[in-house]
Amino acid sequence: MNGSNAYPRLTKSYKGAYPFKLGTTSFIYPDYYVPNVQRLGAFFDEIEILVFESSGMESLFCGAVIDELVRLAMELNLRYNIHLPTDISISDHDSRRQRYAVDTLGRIIERMSLLAPSSYCLHIPYNERNFERPNKKKWCERVRANLERLLSVGIENHKLAIETLDYPIDLLEDVIGDLNLTICLDVGHLIRYGYAVADVYHRYFANISSIHLHGVENDHDHVSLERLAEEHIHPVMRILKRFAGIVSLEVFSYSDLTGSLQFLQRCYKNISPTES
């Protein structure tokens, strides 16, 4: 376990601490999935299993690993949500790469279904030159077709959550609605790319199943919530006061996690849900 017994450990449980289900990522400690879950599972409602790379699934999530993650979930009263790979894309211009992405994602979803995850988060990059109507239309058409193929593996539609990235999620509004998908509201992405978090939340709140929460500083995201600019604190906390889904502190180190937990606890209690 790479000296994992020496890793610092949390001392306070956040299970059931908020109206929403609080989680964090499987990359807090510089170790594999099982050691991270062993050290984090007792303190959170959910763990976000990060599967950023599409290769190596058979070794990373062999039968023994899946079995142990299932056992830990039962022992620690824990659920998982899955972040699907970001190195493949169903919106790729090349039809062969599209098919490869759909097939690979389908195999990963089938394997991870053994963990009974609450959701699967999917990145869909916008890879057109601009937002002119012909480009948007072609992109949406291939995204819709490939999402329909992906859903055919048997995943429940509402468990597939499309993450907000660097383009307006409005582009996929009809696709998400027609296919009964949900939205993963990545607060850090919205802030980094200049979108009003509250406006996006209020427009799509009925479709938002999960929130990724992290700080943004100097055009860098996925840092501690302590780096959240003052003007964003109240809007974000007001959203959390109204939200009952999954909130994942999407950071990748112990120091960023502990800083985020302290910041969240301090700021959350100072905000009224009816505060305007």
Protein backbone atom coordinates (compact mmCIF):
# COMPACT_ATOMS: atom_id res chain seq x y z
CA MET A 1 0.00 0.00 0.00
CA ASN A 2 2.96 2.33 -0.49
CA GLY A 3 3.27 3.21 3.17
CA SER A 4 -0.42 4.04 3.40
CA ASN A 5 -0.51 3.41 7.14
CA ALA A 6 1.34 6.71 7.48
CA TYR A 7 -1.31 8.67 5.60
CA PRO A 8 -3.17 11.31 7.66
CA ARG A 9 -6.75 10.37 8.47
CA LEU A 10 -9.92 12.33 8.92
CA THR A 11 -11.29 12.44 12.45
CA LYS A 12 -14.87 13.62 11.88
CA SER A 13 -17.66 11.84 10.01
CA TYR A 14 -19.81 13.82 7.58
CA LYS A 15 -22.32 11.04 6.96
CA GLY A 16 -25.79 12.54 7.12
CA ALA A 17 -24.38 15.93 8.10
CA TYR A 18 -26.18 17.79 5.29
CA PRO A 19 -29.50 17.48 3.44
CA PHE A 20 -27.46 16.42 0.41
CA LYS A 21 -25.19 13.37 0.24
CA LEU A 22 -21.61 14.50 0.70
CA GLY A 23 -18.75 12.73 -1.03
CA THR A 24 -15.24 13.13 -2.34
CA THR A 25 -12.99 11.47 -4.87
CA SER A 26 -11.09 8.21 -4.89
CA PHE A 27 -7.82 10.14 -5.48
CA ILE A 28 -7.31 11.83 -2.11
CA TYR A 29 -4.36 9.64 -1.14
CA PRO A 30 -1.58 8.69 -3.59
CA ASP A 31 -2.72 5.08 -3.69
CA TYR A 32 -5.18 2.76 -5.41
CA TYR A 33 -8.97 2.71 -5.20
CA VAL A 34 -9.39 0.25 -2.34
CA PRO A 35 -6.97 1.99 0.08
CA ASN A 36 -8.67 5.32 -0.62
CA VAL A 37 -12.11 3.88 0.07
CA GLN A 38 -10.83 2.15 3.20
CA ARG A 39 -9.63 5.49 4.58
CA LEU A 40 -12.48 7.70 3.37
CA GLY A 41 -15.59 5.54 3.37
CA ALA A 42 -16.39 5.87 7.06
CA PHE A 43 -16.57 9.67 6.75
CA PHE A 44 -18.71 10.25 3.64
CA ASP A 45 -22.05 9.28 2.15
CA GLU A 46 -20.52 8.60 -1.28
CA ILE A 47 -17.14 8.15 -2.95
CA GLU A 48 -16.66 9.36 -6.53
CA ILE A 49 -14.74 6.62 -8.32
CA LEU A 50 -12.56 8.40 -10.87
CA VAL A 51 -11.98 6.43 -14.07
CA PHE A 52 -10.26 9.14 -16.09
CA GLU A 53 -8.45 6.76 -18.44
CA SER A 54 -10.21 4.19 -20.59
CA SER A 55 -7.37 1.65 -20.72
CA GLY A 56 -6.36 -0.81 -18.04
CA MET A 57 -9.85 -1.39 -16.66
CA GLU A 58 -9.34 -5.15 -16.42
CA SER A 59 -6.41 -4.79 -14.05
CA LEU A 60 -7.59 -1.72 -12.12
CA PHE A 61 -11.05 -3.18 -11.56
CA CYS A 62 -10.46 -6.90 -11.59
CA GLY A 63 -12.93 -9.17 -9.82
CA ALA A 64 -11.08 -8.99 -6.52
CA VAL A 65 -11.09 -5.18 -6.52
CA ILE A 66 -14.79 -4.99 -7.38
CA ASP A 67 -15.61 -7.56 -4.69
CA GLU A 68 -13.68 -5.59 -2.08
CA LEU A 69 -15.33 -2.30 -3.07
CA VAL A 70 -18.73 -3.97 -2.76
CA ARG A 71 -17.79 -5.34 0.66
CA LEU A 72 -16.56 -1.93 1.83
CA ALA A 73 -19.75 -0.25 0.66
CA MET A 74 -21.81 -2.60 2.83
CA GLU A 75 -19.46 -2.41 5.80
CA LEU A 76 -19.15 1.39 5.72
CA ASN A 77 -22.75 2.24 4.70
CA LEU A 78 -21.42 3.82 1.55
CA ARG A 79 -22.44 4.36 -2.07
CA TYR A 80 -20.38 5.10 -5.15
CA ASN A 81 -20.79 7.36 -8.13
CA ILE A 82 -18.64 6.88 -11.22
CA HIS A 83 -16.75 9.49 -13.23
CA LEU A 84 -16.40 7.98 -16.69
CA PRO A 85 -13.15 8.34 -18.72
CA THR A 86 -12.22 11.69 -20.23
CA ASP A 87 -9.68 10.41 -22.77
CA ILE A 88 -12.38 9.21 -25.19
CA SER A 89 -15.33 11.12 -26.58
CA ILE A 90 -18.70 10.23 -28.05
CA SER A 91 -18.65 13.61 -29.83
CA ASP A 92 -15.44 12.94 -31.75
CA HIS A 93 -15.53 13.87 -35.42
CA ASP A 94 -14.14 10.47 -36.42
CA SER A 95 -16.90 7.86 -36.56
CA ARG A 96 -14.48 5.05 -35.66
CA ARG A 97 -13.38 6.89 -32.51
CA GLN A 98 -17.02 7.54 -31.68
CA ARG A 99 -17.79 3.82 -31.89
CA TYR A 100 -14.73 2.99 -29.82
CA ALA A 101 -15.80 5.51 -27.17
CA VAL A 102 -19.36 4.15 -27.01
CA ASP A 103 -18.19 0.52 -26.87
CA THR A 104 -15.56 1.25 -24.22
CA LEU A 105 -17.90 3.31 -22.06
CA GLY A 106 -20.50 0.56 -22.35
CA ARG A 107 -18.04 -2.05 -21.09
CA ILE A 108 -17.00 0.19 -18.20
CA ILE A 109 -20.61 0.86 -17.23
CA GLU A 110 -21.38 -2.86 -17.29
CA ARG A 111 -18.42 -3.63 -15.04
CA MET A 112 -19.07 -0.76 -12.64
CA SER A 113 -22.76 -1.68 -12.39
CA LEU A 114 -21.64 -4.34 -9.91
CA LEU A 115 -21.01 -1.45 -7.49
CA ALA A 116 -24.66 -0.31 -7.82
CA PRO A 117 -23.56 3.32 -8.37
CA SER A 118 -25.93 6.21 -7.85
CA SER A 119 -24.81 7.89 -11.08
CA TYR A 120 -22.33 7.90 -13.95
CA CYS A 121 -20.83 11.28 -14.84
CA LEU A 122 -19.97 11.81 -18.51
CA HIS A 123 -17.89 14.51 -20.23
CA ILE A 124 -19.09 15.44 -23.71
CA PRO A 125 -16.56 17.86 -25.24
CA TYR A 126 -17.70 20.54 -27.69
CA ASN A 127 -15.14 20.23 -30.47
CA GLU A 128 -16.55 22.55 -33.16
CA ARG A 129 -14.88 25.74 -34.41
CA ASN A 130 -17.71 27.97 -33.22
CA PHE A 131 -21.31 28.01 -32.02
CA GLU A 132 -22.88 28.74 -35.40
CA ARG A 133 -26.09 26.83 -36.02
CA PRO A 134 -24.82 24.26 -38.58
CA ASN A 135 -21.94 23.24 -36.32
CA LYS A 136 -24.12 23.01 -33.22
CA LYS A 137 -26.70 20.96 -35.10
CA LYS A 138 -24.19 18.40 -36.40
CA TRP A 139 -22.58 18.09 -32.96
CA CYS A 140 -25.93 17.60 -31.23
CA GLU A 141 -26.99 14.99 -33.79
CA ARG A 142 -23.94 12.79 -33.26
CA VAL A 143 -24.08 13.26 -29.48
CA ARG A 144 -27.74 12.20 -29.42
CA ALA A 145 -27.11 9.16 -31.63
CA ASN A 146 -24.17 8.00 -29.53
CA LEU A 147 -25.97 8.57 -26.24
CA GLU A 148 -28.81 6.39 -27.52
CA ARG A 149 -26.28 3.67 -28.38
CA LEU A 150 -24.67 3.99 -24.96
CA LEU A 151 -28.01 3.72 -23.18
CA SER A 152 -28.66 0.45 -24.97
CA VAL A 153 -26.22 -1.31 -22.61
CA GLY A 154 -28.99 -1.20 -20.03
CA ILE A 155 -28.06 1.74 -17.81
CA GLU A 156 -31.03 3.58 -16.31
CA ASN A 157 -31.30 6.84 -18.24
CA HIS A 158 -31.54 9.08 -15.17
CA LYS A 159 -28.27 7.67 -13.82
CA LEU A 160 -26.30 9.10 -16.75
CA ALA A 161 -25.33 12.65 -15.71
CA ILE A 162 -23.90 15.04 -18.30
CA GLU A 163 -21.30 17.31 -16.73
CA THR A 164 -21.16 21.05 -17.33
CA LEU A 165 -17.88 21.87 -19.09
CA ASP A 166 -16.65 24.96 -20.97
CA TYR A 167 -19.70 25.44 -23.21
CA PRO A 168 -23.32 26.35 -22.35
CA ILE A 169 -25.19 23.26 -21.17
CA ASP A 170 -28.16 24.77 -23.05
CA LEU A 171 -26.73 23.15 -26.18
CA LEU A 172 -27.75 19.76 -24.81
CA GLU A 173 -31.01 20.83 -23.17
CA ASP A 174 -33.27 19.03 -25.67
CA VAL A 175 -31.09 15.91 -25.76
CA ILE A 176 -31.01 15.66 -21.97
CA GLY A 177 -34.76 16.16 -21.74
CA ASP A 178 -35.69 13.81 -24.58
CA LEU A 179 -33.48 10.99 -23.29
CA ASN A 180 -34.42 11.51 -19.62
CA LEU A 181 -30.80 12.11 -18.59
CA THR A 182 -29.59 14.25 -15.70
CA ILE A 183 -26.99 16.97 -15.22
CA CYS A 184 -23.86 17.05 -13.11
CA LEU A 185 -23.45 20.72 -12.19
CA ASP A 186 -19.71 21.33 -11.93
CA VAL A 187 -19.55 24.58 -9.99
CA GLY A 188 -15.83 25.06 -10.56
CA HIS A 189 -16.17 24.68 -14.32
CA LEU A 190 -19.01 27.19 -14.45
CA ILE A 191 -17.02 29.74 -12.47
CA ARG A 192 -13.82 29.18 -14.44
CA TYR A 193 -15.56 29.68 -17.78
CA GLY A 194 -17.62 32.68 -16.73
CA TYR A 195 -21.13 31.26 -16.30
CA ALA A 196 -23.46 32.40 -13.54
CA VAL A 197 -23.78 29.36 -11.28
CA ALA A 198 -27.11 30.42 -9.77
CA ASP A 199 -28.67 31.05 -13.18
CA VAL A 200 -27.67 27.62 -14.49
CA TYR A 201 -28.85 25.94 -11.30
CA HIS A 202 -32.26 27.62 -11.29
CA ARG A 203 -32.85 26.85 -14.96
CA TYR A 204 -32.02 23.15 -14.62
CA PHE A 205 -32.54 22.34 -10.93
CA ALA A 206 -35.15 19.67 -11.69
CA ASN A 207 -32.58 17.78 -13.82
CA ILE A 208 -29.51 18.17 -11.58
CA SER A 209 -28.62 14.91 -9.85
CA SER A 210 -25.13 15.81 -8.65
CA ILE A 211 -22.85 18.76 -7.99
CA HIS A 212 -19.06 18.82 -8.26
CA LEU A 213 -17.72 21.34 -5.80
CA HIS A 214 -14.19 22.77 -5.78
CA GLY A 215 -12.36 26.05 -5.70
CA VAL A 216 -11.03 28.12 -8.59
CA GLU A 217 -7.98 30.37 -8.46
CA ASN A 218 -5.94 31.97 -11.26
CA ASP A 219 -7.71 29.89 -13.91
CA HIS A 220 -6.98 26.66 -12.01
CA ASP A 221 -9.86 24.59 -10.68
CA HIS A 222 -10.14 21.45 -8.54
CA VAL A 223 -8.38 23.24 -5.69
CA SER A 224 -9.63 23.71 -2.13
CA LEU A 225 -12.94 25.48 -1.63
CA GLU A 226 -10.97 27.99 0.41
CA ARG A 227 -9.92 29.40 -2.98
CA LEU A 228 -13.51 30.24 -3.89
CA ALA A 229 -13.79 33.98 -4.52
CA GLU A 230 -15.94 35.95 -2.12
CA GLU A 231 -18.59 36.81 -4.72
CA HIS A 232 -19.30 33.12 -5.33
CA ILE A 233 -19.63 31.94 -1.74
CA HIS A 234 -23.20 33.08 -1.03
CA PRO A 235 -24.69 31.90 -4.37
CA VAL A 236 -23.06 28.47 -4.03
CA MET A 237 -24.09 28.01 -0.40
CA ARG A 238 -27.67 29.04 -1.18
CA ILE A 239 -27.77 26.36 -3.87
CA LEU A 240 -26.52 23.77 -1.39
CA LYS A 241 -29.22 24.78 1.11
CA ARG A 242 -31.84 23.77 -1.49
CA PHE A 243 -30.15 20.68 -2.90
CA ALA A 244 -30.82 17.07 -1.89
CA GLY A 245 -28.70 15.13 -4.39
CA ILE A 246 -25.01 14.21 -4.42
CA VAL A 247 -22.32 16.81 -3.71
CA SER A 248 -18.78 15.65 -4.42
CA LEU A 249 -15.81 17.66 -3.18
CA GLU A 250 -13.87 17.10 -6.38
CA VAL A 251 -10.33 17.64 -5.14
CA PHE A 252 -7.33 15.36 -5.33
CA SER A 253 -5.30 15.75 -2.15
CA TYR A 254 -5.76 15.42 1.60
CA SER A 255 -4.91 19.08 2.23
CA ASP A 256 -7.42 20.33 -0.36
CA LEU A 257 -10.04 17.98 1.08
CA THR A 258 -9.61 19.05 4.71
CA GLY A 259 -9.54 22.72 3.72
CA SER A 260 -12.73 22.24 1.69
CA LEU A 261 -14.51 20.42 4.52
CA GLN A 262 -13.71 23.17 7.01
CA PHE A 263 -14.71 25.88 4.55
CA LEU A 264 -17.99 24.16 3.70
CA GLN A 265 -18.92 23.65 7.34
CA ARG A 266 -18.14 27.24 8.24
CA CYS A 267 -19.90 28.90 5.30
CA TYR A 268 -22.90 26.57 5.05
CA LYS A 269 -24.13 27.28 8.57
CA ASN A 270 -24.01 31.04 7.97
CA ILE A 271 -26.42 30.99 5.01
CA SER A 272 -30.20 30.91 5.22
CA PRO A 273 -31.95 28.86 2.51
CA THR A 274 -34.38 31.73 1.96
CA GLU A 275 -31.68 34.40 1.82
CA SER A 276 -31.86 36.33 -1.44
